[in-house]
């Protein structure tokens, strides 16, 4: 999947080993694993099948997230216009191949 980032600071903190270690401390290994999983997936449907990631949409906000560890999440937006949909109006996860990472946070 193609990943972009909200800004250069976030990109640096998620694409280099030094940035990940500095920015995420005790959860750095899991953050790196999740970014690798997103990069290696062909589309969002692949991510949805990895139950440990708990892919879900934040209703009314346009953002999605996957779990890192405990309350920590990677929040992202679908970066395709228009967002691919199914005939029944649902999101076509198999057609989503470009996302924008918005943040890594504990939203609780």
C-alpha atoms as a PDB file:
ATOM      1  CA  UNK A   1       0.000   0.000   0.000  1.00  0.00           C
ATOM      2  CA  UNK A   2       1.170   3.550  -0.639  1.00  0.00           C
ATOM      3  CA  UNK A   3       1.615   5.611   2.526  1.00  0.00           C
ATOM      4  CA  UNK A   4       1.877   9.370   2.866  1.00  0.00           C
ATOM      5  CA  UNK A   5       2.192  11.356   6.064  1.00  0.00           C
ATOM      6  CA  UNK A   6       0.434  14.407   7.503  1.00  0.00           C
ATOM      7  CA  UNK A   7       3.756  16.274   7.714  1.00  0.00           C
ATOM      8  CA  UNK A   8       7.517  15.755   7.402  1.00  0.00           C
ATOM      9  CA  UNK A   9       8.034  15.495  11.171  1.00  0.00           C
ATOM     10  CA  UNK A  10       5.581  12.588  11.383  1.00  0.00           C
ATOM     11  CA  UNK A  11       7.150  10.966   8.310  1.00  0.00           C
ATOM     12  CA  UNK A  12      10.620  11.136   9.856  1.00  0.00           C
ATOM     13  CA  UNK A  13       9.352   9.723  13.155  1.00  0.00           C
ATOM     14  CA  UNK A  14       7.779   6.728  11.372  1.00  0.00           C
ATOM     15  CA  UNK A  15      10.224   5.921   8.565  1.00  0.00           C
ATOM     16  CA  UNK A  16      13.615   5.813  10.282  1.00  0.00           C
ATOM     17  CA  UNK A  17      14.742   3.500  13.067  1.00  0.00           C
ATOM     18  CA  UNK A  18      16.144   6.470  14.985  1.00  0.00           C
ATOM     19  CA  UNK A  19      12.895   8.437  14.595  1.00  0.00           C
ATOM     20  CA  UNK A  20      10.775   5.505  15.741  1.00  0.00           C
ATOM     21  CA  UNK A  21      12.979   4.799  18.772  1.00  0.00           C
ATOM     22  CA  UNK A  22      13.091   8.466  19.771  1.00  0.00           C
ATOM     23  CA  UNK A  23       9.410   9.152  19.195  1.00  0.00           C
ATOM     24  CA  UNK A  24       7.794   6.025  20.578  1.00  0.00           C
ATOM     25  CA  UNK A  25      10.080   4.564  23.255  1.00  0.00           C
ATOM     26  CA  UNK A  26       8.629   1.376  24.746  1.00  0.00           C
ATOM     27  CA  UNK A  27       6.172   0.826  21.876  1.00  0.00           C
ATOM     28  CA  UNK A  28       8.736   1.535  19.119  1.00  0.00           C
ATOM     29  CA  UNK A  29       9.024  -2.095  17.971  1.00  0.00           C
ATOM     30  CA  UNK A  30       5.249  -2.408  17.615  1.00  0.00           C
ATOM     31  CA  UNK A  31       5.010   0.927  15.776  1.00  0.00           C
ATOM     32  CA  UNK A  32       7.663  -0.227  13.321  1.00  0.00           C
ATOM     33  CA  UNK A  33       5.855  -3.551  12.851  1.00  0.00           C
ATOM     34  CA  UNK A  34       2.529  -1.811  12.144  1.00  0.00           C
ATOM     35  CA  UNK A  35       4.088   0.580   9.602  1.00  0.00           C
ATOM     36  CA  UNK A  36       5.755  -2.405   7.918  1.00  0.00           C
ATOM     37  CA  UNK A  37       2.408  -4.239   7.809  1.00  0.00           C
ATOM     38  CA  UNK A  38       0.732  -1.224   6.214  1.00  0.00           C
ATOM     39  CA  UNK A  39       3.551  -0.829   3.670  1.00  0.00           C
ATOM     40  CA  UNK A  40       3.512  -4.510   2.736  1.00  0.00           C
ATOM     41  CA  UNK A  41      -0.261  -4.838   2.361  1.00  0.00           C
ATOM     42  CA  UNK A  42      -1.628  -4.678  -1.179  1.00  0.00           C
ATOM     43  CA  UNK A  43      -4.779  -2.934   0.044  1.00  0.00           C
ATOM     44  CA  UNK A  44      -6.849  -2.168   3.135  1.00  0.00           C
ATOM     45  CA  UNK A  45      -8.715  -5.465   2.851  1.00  0.00           C
ATOM     46  CA  UNK A  46      -5.465  -7.293   3.718  1.00  0.00           C
ATOM     47  CA  UNK A  47      -5.185  -5.173   6.876  1.00  0.00           C
ATOM     48  CA  UNK A  48      -8.814  -5.880   7.779  1.00  0.00           C
ATOM     49  CA  UNK A  49      -8.085  -9.618   7.817  1.00  0.00           C
ATOM     50  CA  UNK A  50      -5.343  -9.221  10.445  1.00  0.00           C
ATOM     51  CA  UNK A  51      -7.639  -9.339  13.471  1.00  0.00           C
ATOM     52  CA  UNK A  52      -4.961  -8.169  15.904  1.00  0.00           C
ATOM     53  CA  UNK A  53      -4.918  -4.776  14.119  1.00  0.00           C
ATOM     54  CA  UNK A  54      -8.656  -4.149  14.714  1.00  0.00           C
ATOM     55  CA  UNK A  55      -9.060  -1.919  11.656  1.00  0.00           C
ATOM     56  CA  UNK A  56     -12.009   0.381  12.196  1.00  0.00           C
ATOM     57  CA  UNK A  57     -13.459   3.620  10.939  1.00  0.00           C
ATOM     58  CA  UNK A  58     -14.092   6.526  13.303  1.00  0.00           C
ATOM     59  CA  UNK A  59     -17.692   7.346  12.468  1.00  0.00           C
ATOM     60  CA  UNK A  60     -18.280  10.952  11.448  1.00  0.00           C
ATOM     61  CA  UNK A  61     -14.588  11.873  11.458  1.00  0.00           C
ATOM     62  CA  UNK A  62     -13.294  10.429   8.173  1.00  0.00           C
ATOM     63  CA  UNK A  63     -10.404   8.750   9.959  1.00  0.00           C
ATOM     64  CA  UNK A  64      -9.575   5.101  10.426  1.00  0.00           C
ATOM     65  CA  UNK A  65      -7.254   3.379  12.870  1.00  0.00           C
ATOM     66  CA  UNK A  66      -5.367   0.214  13.634  1.00  0.00           C
ATOM     67  CA  UNK A  67      -4.185  -0.923  17.043  1.00  0.00           C
ATOM     68  CA  UNK A  68      -0.555  -0.762  18.039  1.00  0.00           C
ATOM     69  CA  UNK A  69      -0.662  -1.819  21.674  1.00  0.00           C
ATOM     70  CA  UNK A  70      -3.139  -1.284  24.502  1.00  0.00           C
ATOM     71  CA  UNK A  71      -4.765   2.136  23.827  1.00  0.00           C
ATOM     72  CA  UNK A  72      -2.220   3.246  21.196  1.00  0.00           C
ATOM     73  CA  UNK A  73      -3.415   3.576  17.591  1.00  0.00           C
ATOM     74  CA  UNK A  74      -2.188   4.648  14.177  1.00  0.00           C
ATOM     75  CA  UNK A  75      -4.810   7.025  12.776  1.00  0.00           C
ATOM     76  CA  UNK A  76      -5.068   7.518   9.020  1.00  0.00           C
ATOM     77  CA  UNK A  77      -7.300   8.769   6.245  1.00  0.00           C
ATOM     78  CA  UNK A  78      -8.043   7.190   2.899  1.00  0.00           C
ATOM     79  CA  UNK A  79      -6.153   9.251   0.348  1.00  0.00           C
ATOM     80  CA  UNK A  80      -8.195   8.410  -2.752  1.00  0.00           C
ATOM     81  CA  UNK A  81     -10.788  10.689  -4.292  1.00  0.00           C
ATOM     82  CA  UNK A  82     -13.444   9.504  -4.593  1.00  0.00           C
ATOM     83  CA  UNK A  83     -13.227   6.846  -1.884  1.00  0.00           C
ATOM     84  CA  UNK A  84     -13.970   3.489  -3.556  1.00  0.00           C
ATOM     85  CA  UNK A  85     -17.381   2.106  -2.628  1.00  0.00           C
ATOM     86  CA  UNK A  86     -19.282  -1.121  -3.123  1.00  0.00           C
ATOM     87  CA  UNK A  87     -22.673  -1.362  -4.833  1.00  0.00           C
ATOM     88  CA  UNK A  88     -24.371  -1.438  -1.412  1.00  0.00           C
ATOM     89  CA  UNK A  89     -22.688   1.848  -0.456  1.00  0.00           C
ATOM     90  CA  UNK A  90     -20.039   0.368   1.841  1.00  0.00           C
ATOM     91  CA  UNK A  91     -16.319   1.093   1.549  1.00  0.00           C
ATOM     92  CA  UNK A  92     -14.467  -1.133  -0.947  1.00  0.00           C
ATOM     93  CA  UNK A  93     -11.449  -2.062   1.190  1.00  0.00           C
ATOM     94  CA  UNK A  94      -9.909  -4.098  -1.636  1.00  0.00           C
ATOM     95  CA  UNK A  95      -9.735  -0.987  -3.853  1.00  0.00           C
ATOM     96  CA  UNK A  96      -8.074   1.201  -1.203  1.00  0.00           C
ATOM     97  CA  UNK A  97      -4.348   1.298  -1.868  1.00  0.00           C
ATOM     98  CA  UNK A  98      -3.360   4.819  -0.738  1.00  0.00           C
ATOM     99  CA  UNK A  99      -3.625   6.142   2.824  1.00  0.00           C
ATOM    100  CA  UNK A 100      -2.311   9.154   4.715  1.00  0.00           C
ATOM    101  CA  UNK A 101      -0.986   8.601   8.235  1.00  0.00           C
ATOM    102  CA  UNK A 102      -2.367  11.400  10.421  1.00  0.00           C
ATOM    103  CA  UNK A 103      -1.020  10.513  13.878  1.00  0.00           C
ATOM    104  CA  UNK A 104       0.107   7.927  16.374  1.00  0.00           C
ATOM    105  CA  UNK A 105      -1.730   8.457  19.628  1.00  0.00           C
ATOM    106  CA  UNK A 106      -3.652   7.186  22.601  1.00  0.00           C
ATOM    107  CA  UNK A 107      -7.105   8.617  21.771  1.00  0.00           C
ATOM    108  CA  UNK A 108      -8.665   7.455  25.049  1.00  0.00           C
END
